[in-house]
Amino acid sequence: MVVVTGTINSFLHVGMLSDLTGTGYGLAVTTKIALMAVILGAGALHRFAIRRRLEARSGGSEGSAVQATFRKLIALELVVGLAIMGATGVLTNLGRTKQTVLHGPIGGPPAVIPKD
């Protein structure tokens, strides 16, 4: 759910689709979404393939190969998770590509923050 709402929220701050590749903010959003897809794919691979193979292993060389794959995927998830945090940090320091309207006090006028 966080992935879906985060993706939708990011697109609300992008003026045009071309901004996804033509601006720093758009590139950071695109990178973060791609990294999330990688980490979700690695998690699905763990859940639906590696876990079953680990549970069914009878030892021997295949068991150690499965364990090695498991460790590599865990390392990949860790690195990608850190990269997602880095992309999030970059996003907080970049100007959005679309105007943002902040609602002022009740009854007051809204404050418009133009794109940087």
C-alpha atoms as a PDB file:
ATOM      1  CA  MET A   1       0.000   0.000   0.000  1.00  0.00           C
ATOM      2  CA  VAL A   2       2.855   2.378   0.808  1.00  0.00           C
ATOM      3  CA  VAL A   3       4.371   1.744  -2.615  1.00  0.00           C
ATOM      4  CA  VAL A   4       1.112   2.515  -4.422  1.00  0.00           C
ATOM      5  CA  THR A   5       0.320   5.678  -2.473  1.00  0.00           C
ATOM      6  CA  GLY A   6       3.920   6.871  -2.705  1.00  0.00           C
ATOM      7  CA  THR A   7       3.945   6.387  -6.464  1.00  0.00           C
ATOM      8  CA  ILE A   8       0.640   8.218  -6.889  1.00  0.00           C
ATOM      9  CA  ASN A   9       1.803  11.051  -4.619  1.00  0.00           C
ATOM     10  CA  SER A  10       5.040  11.394  -6.588  1.00  0.00           C
ATOM     11  CA  PHE A  11       3.155  11.706  -9.862  1.00  0.00           C
ATOM     12  CA  LEU A  12       0.970  14.414  -8.353  1.00  0.00           C
ATOM     13  CA  HIS A  13       4.121  16.509  -7.932  1.00  0.00           C
ATOM     14  CA  VAL A  14       5.271  16.003 -11.531  1.00  0.00           C
ATOM     15  CA  GLY A  15       3.842  18.468 -14.022  1.00  0.00           C
ATOM     16  CA  MET A  16       4.198  16.408 -17.201  1.00  0.00           C
ATOM     17  CA  LEU A  17       5.348  12.894 -18.003  1.00  0.00           C
ATOM     18  CA  SER A  18       8.372  14.314 -19.815  1.00  0.00           C
ATOM     19  CA  ASP A  19       9.460  15.756 -16.447  1.00  0.00           C
ATOM     20  CA  LEU A  20      10.171  12.197 -15.274  1.00  0.00           C
ATOM     21  CA  THR A  21      13.260  12.129 -17.467  1.00  0.00           C
ATOM     22  CA  GLY A  22      13.866  15.825 -18.021  1.00  0.00           C
ATOM     23  CA  THR A  23      14.208  17.118 -14.452  1.00  0.00           C
ATOM     24  CA  GLY A  24      16.204  16.149 -11.401  1.00  0.00           C
ATOM     25  CA  TYR A  25      13.047  15.586  -9.378  1.00  0.00           C
ATOM     26  CA  GLY A  26      11.553  13.393 -12.099  1.00  0.00           C
ATOM     27  CA  LEU A  27      14.717  11.334 -12.430  1.00  0.00           C
ATOM     28  CA  ALA A  28      14.821  10.817  -8.659  1.00  0.00           C
ATOM     29  CA  VAL A  29      11.155   9.710  -8.682  1.00  0.00           C
ATOM     30  CA  THR A  30      11.774   7.364 -11.613  1.00  0.00           C
ATOM     31  CA  THR A  31      14.865   5.924  -9.917  1.00  0.00           C
ATOM     32  CA  LYS A  32      13.011   5.381  -6.656  1.00  0.00           C
ATOM     33  CA  ILE A  33      10.106   3.634  -8.392  1.00  0.00           C
ATOM     34  CA  ALA A  34      12.522   1.391 -10.332  1.00  0.00           C
ATOM     35  CA  LEU A  35      14.403   0.514  -7.135  1.00  0.00           C
ATOM     36  CA  MET A  36      11.123  -0.323  -5.416  1.00  0.00           C
ATOM     37  CA  ALA A  37      10.285  -2.668  -8.291  1.00  0.00           C
ATOM     38  CA  VAL A  38      13.662  -4.395  -7.872  1.00  0.00           C
ATOM     39  CA  ILE A  39      13.215  -4.856  -4.120  1.00  0.00           C
ATOM     40  CA  LEU A  40       9.647  -6.130  -4.583  1.00  0.00           C
ATOM     41  CA  GLY A  41      10.891  -8.592  -7.202  1.00  0.00           C
ATOM     42  CA  ALA A  42      13.656  -9.836  -4.907  1.00  0.00           C
ATOM     43  CA  GLY A  43      11.136 -10.250  -2.089  1.00  0.00           C
ATOM     44  CA  ALA A  44       8.798 -12.220  -4.352  1.00  0.00           C
ATOM     45  CA  LEU A  45      11.694 -14.429  -5.463  1.00  0.00           C
ATOM     46  CA  HIS A  46      12.526 -15.101  -1.811  1.00  0.00           C
ATOM     47  CA  ARG A  47       8.952 -15.865  -0.918  1.00  0.00           C
ATOM     48  CA  PHE A  48       7.935 -18.023  -3.837  1.00  0.00           C
ATOM     49  CA  ALA A  49      11.152 -19.720  -5.013  1.00  0.00           C
ATOM     50  CA  ILE A  50      14.054 -19.609  -2.589  1.00  0.00           C
ATOM     51  CA  ARG A  51      11.996 -20.322   0.532  1.00  0.00           C
ATOM     52  CA  ARG A  52      10.468 -23.440  -0.995  1.00  0.00           C
ATOM     53  CA  ARG A  53      13.855 -24.664  -2.156  1.00  0.00           C
ATOM     54  CA  LEU A  54      15.331 -24.071   1.290  1.00  0.00           C
ATOM     55  CA  GLU A  55      12.478 -25.971   2.940  1.00  0.00           C
ATOM     56  CA  ALA A  56      12.752 -28.865   0.481  1.00  0.00           C
ATOM     57  CA  ARG A  57      16.535 -29.140   0.396  1.00  0.00           C
ATOM     58  CA  SER A  58      18.069 -32.380   1.418  1.00  0.00           C
ATOM     59  CA  GLY A  59      21.550 -30.973   1.974  1.00  0.00           C
ATOM     60  CA  GLY A  60      24.524 -31.481  -0.275  1.00  0.00           C
ATOM     61  CA  SER A  61      25.727 -29.117  -2.963  1.00  0.00           C
ATOM     62  CA  GLU A  62      22.262 -27.999  -4.036  1.00  0.00           C
ATOM     63  CA  GLY A  63      21.454 -26.948  -0.483  1.00  0.00           C
ATOM     64  CA  SER A  64      24.576 -24.820  -0.252  1.00  0.00           C
ATOM     65  CA  ALA A  65      23.847 -23.296  -3.677  1.00  0.00           C
ATOM     66  CA  VAL A  66      20.373 -22.313  -2.518  1.00  0.00           C
ATOM     67  CA  GLN A  67      21.825 -20.813   0.663  1.00  0.00           C
ATOM     68  CA  ALA A  68      24.338 -18.843  -1.413  1.00  0.00           C
ATOM     69  CA  THR A  69      21.521 -17.501  -3.609  1.00  0.00           C
ATOM     70  CA  PHE A  70      19.560 -16.617  -0.484  1.00  0.00           C
ATOM     71  CA  ARG A  71      22.512 -14.653   0.928  1.00  0.00           C
ATOM     72  CA  LYS A  72      23.072 -12.816  -2.356  1.00  0.00           C
ATOM     73  CA  LEU A  73      19.431 -11.789  -2.547  1.00  0.00           C
ATOM     74  CA  ILE A  74      19.515 -10.556   1.053  1.00  0.00           C
ATOM     75  CA  ALA A  75      22.597  -8.465   0.219  1.00  0.00           C
ATOM     76  CA  LEU A  76      20.849  -7.128  -2.906  1.00  0.00           C
ATOM     77  CA  GLU A  77      17.788  -6.134  -0.878  1.00  0.00           C
ATOM     78  CA  LEU A  78      19.994  -4.349   1.654  1.00  0.00           C
ATOM     79  CA  VAL A  79      21.865  -2.378  -1.016  1.00  0.00           C
ATOM     80  CA  VAL A  80      18.676  -1.508  -2.906  1.00  0.00           C
ATOM     81  CA  GLY A  81      16.961  -0.492   0.351  1.00  0.00           C
ATOM     82  CA  LEU A  82      19.831   1.886   1.109  1.00  0.00           C
ATOM     83  CA  ALA A  83      19.640   3.261  -2.435  1.00  0.00           C
ATOM     84  CA  ILE A  84      15.895   3.884  -1.947  1.00  0.00           C
ATOM     85  CA  MET A  85      16.666   5.852   1.202  1.00  0.00           C
ATOM     86  CA  GLY A  86      19.259   7.841  -0.739  1.00  0.00           C
ATOM     87  CA  ALA A  87      16.777   8.598  -3.524  1.00  0.00           C
ATOM     88  CA  THR A  88      14.251   9.692  -0.898  1.00  0.00           C
ATOM     89  CA  GLY A  89      16.835  12.045   0.609  1.00  0.00           C
ATOM     90  CA  VAL A  90      17.535  13.516  -2.825  1.00  0.00           C
ATOM     91  CA  LEU A  91      13.801  14.022  -3.429  1.00  0.00           C
ATOM     92  CA  THR A  92      13.443  16.067  -0.260  1.00  0.00           C
ATOM     93  CA  ASN A  93      16.034  18.550  -1.526  1.00  0.00           C
ATOM     94  CA  LEU A  94      14.758  18.942  -5.086  1.00  0.00           C
ATOM     95  CA  GLY A  95      12.043  21.285  -6.271  1.00  0.00           C
ATOM     96  CA  ARG A  96       8.895  19.679  -7.572  1.00  0.00           C
ATOM     97  CA  THR A  97       8.009  20.161 -11.203  1.00  0.00           C
ATOM     98  CA  LYS A  98       4.435  21.211 -10.487  1.00  0.00           C
ATOM     99  CA  GLN A  99       3.005  23.993  -8.343  1.00  0.00           C
ATOM    100  CA  THR A 100       1.956  22.931  -4.892  1.00  0.00           C
ATOM    101  CA  VAL A 101      -0.971  24.615  -3.166  1.00  0.00           C
ATOM    102  CA  LEU A 102      -0.799  24.686   0.603  1.00  0.00           C
ATOM    103  CA  HIS A 103      -4.001  25.455   2.402  1.00  0.00           C
ATOM    104  CA  GLY A 104      -3.622  28.401   4.728  1.00  0.00           C
ATOM    105  CA  PRO A 105      -5.470  28.969   7.972  1.00  0.00           C
ATOM    106  CA  ILE A 106      -9.192  28.307   7.964  1.00  0.00           C
ATOM    107  CA  GLY A 107     -10.884  31.074   6.031  1.00  0.00           C
ATOM    108  CA  GLY A 108      -7.546  32.422   4.756  1.00  0.00           C
ATOM    109  CA  PRO A 109      -6.208  32.323   1.233  1.00  0.00           C
ATOM    110  CA  PRO A 110      -4.177  29.328   0.073  1.00  0.00           C
ATOM    111  CA  ALA A 111      -0.443  29.761  -0.330  1.00  0.00           C
ATOM    112  CA  VAL A 112       0.882  28.759  -3.763  1.00  0.00           C
ATOM    113  CA  ILE A 113       4.438  27.512  -3.916  1.00  0.00           C
ATOM    114  CA  PRO A 114       5.649  27.782  -7.514  1.00  0.00           C
ATOM    115  CA  LYS A 115       7.965  25.173  -8.967  1.00  0.00           C
ATOM    116  CA  ASP A 116      11.652  25.897  -8.509  1.00  0.00           C
END
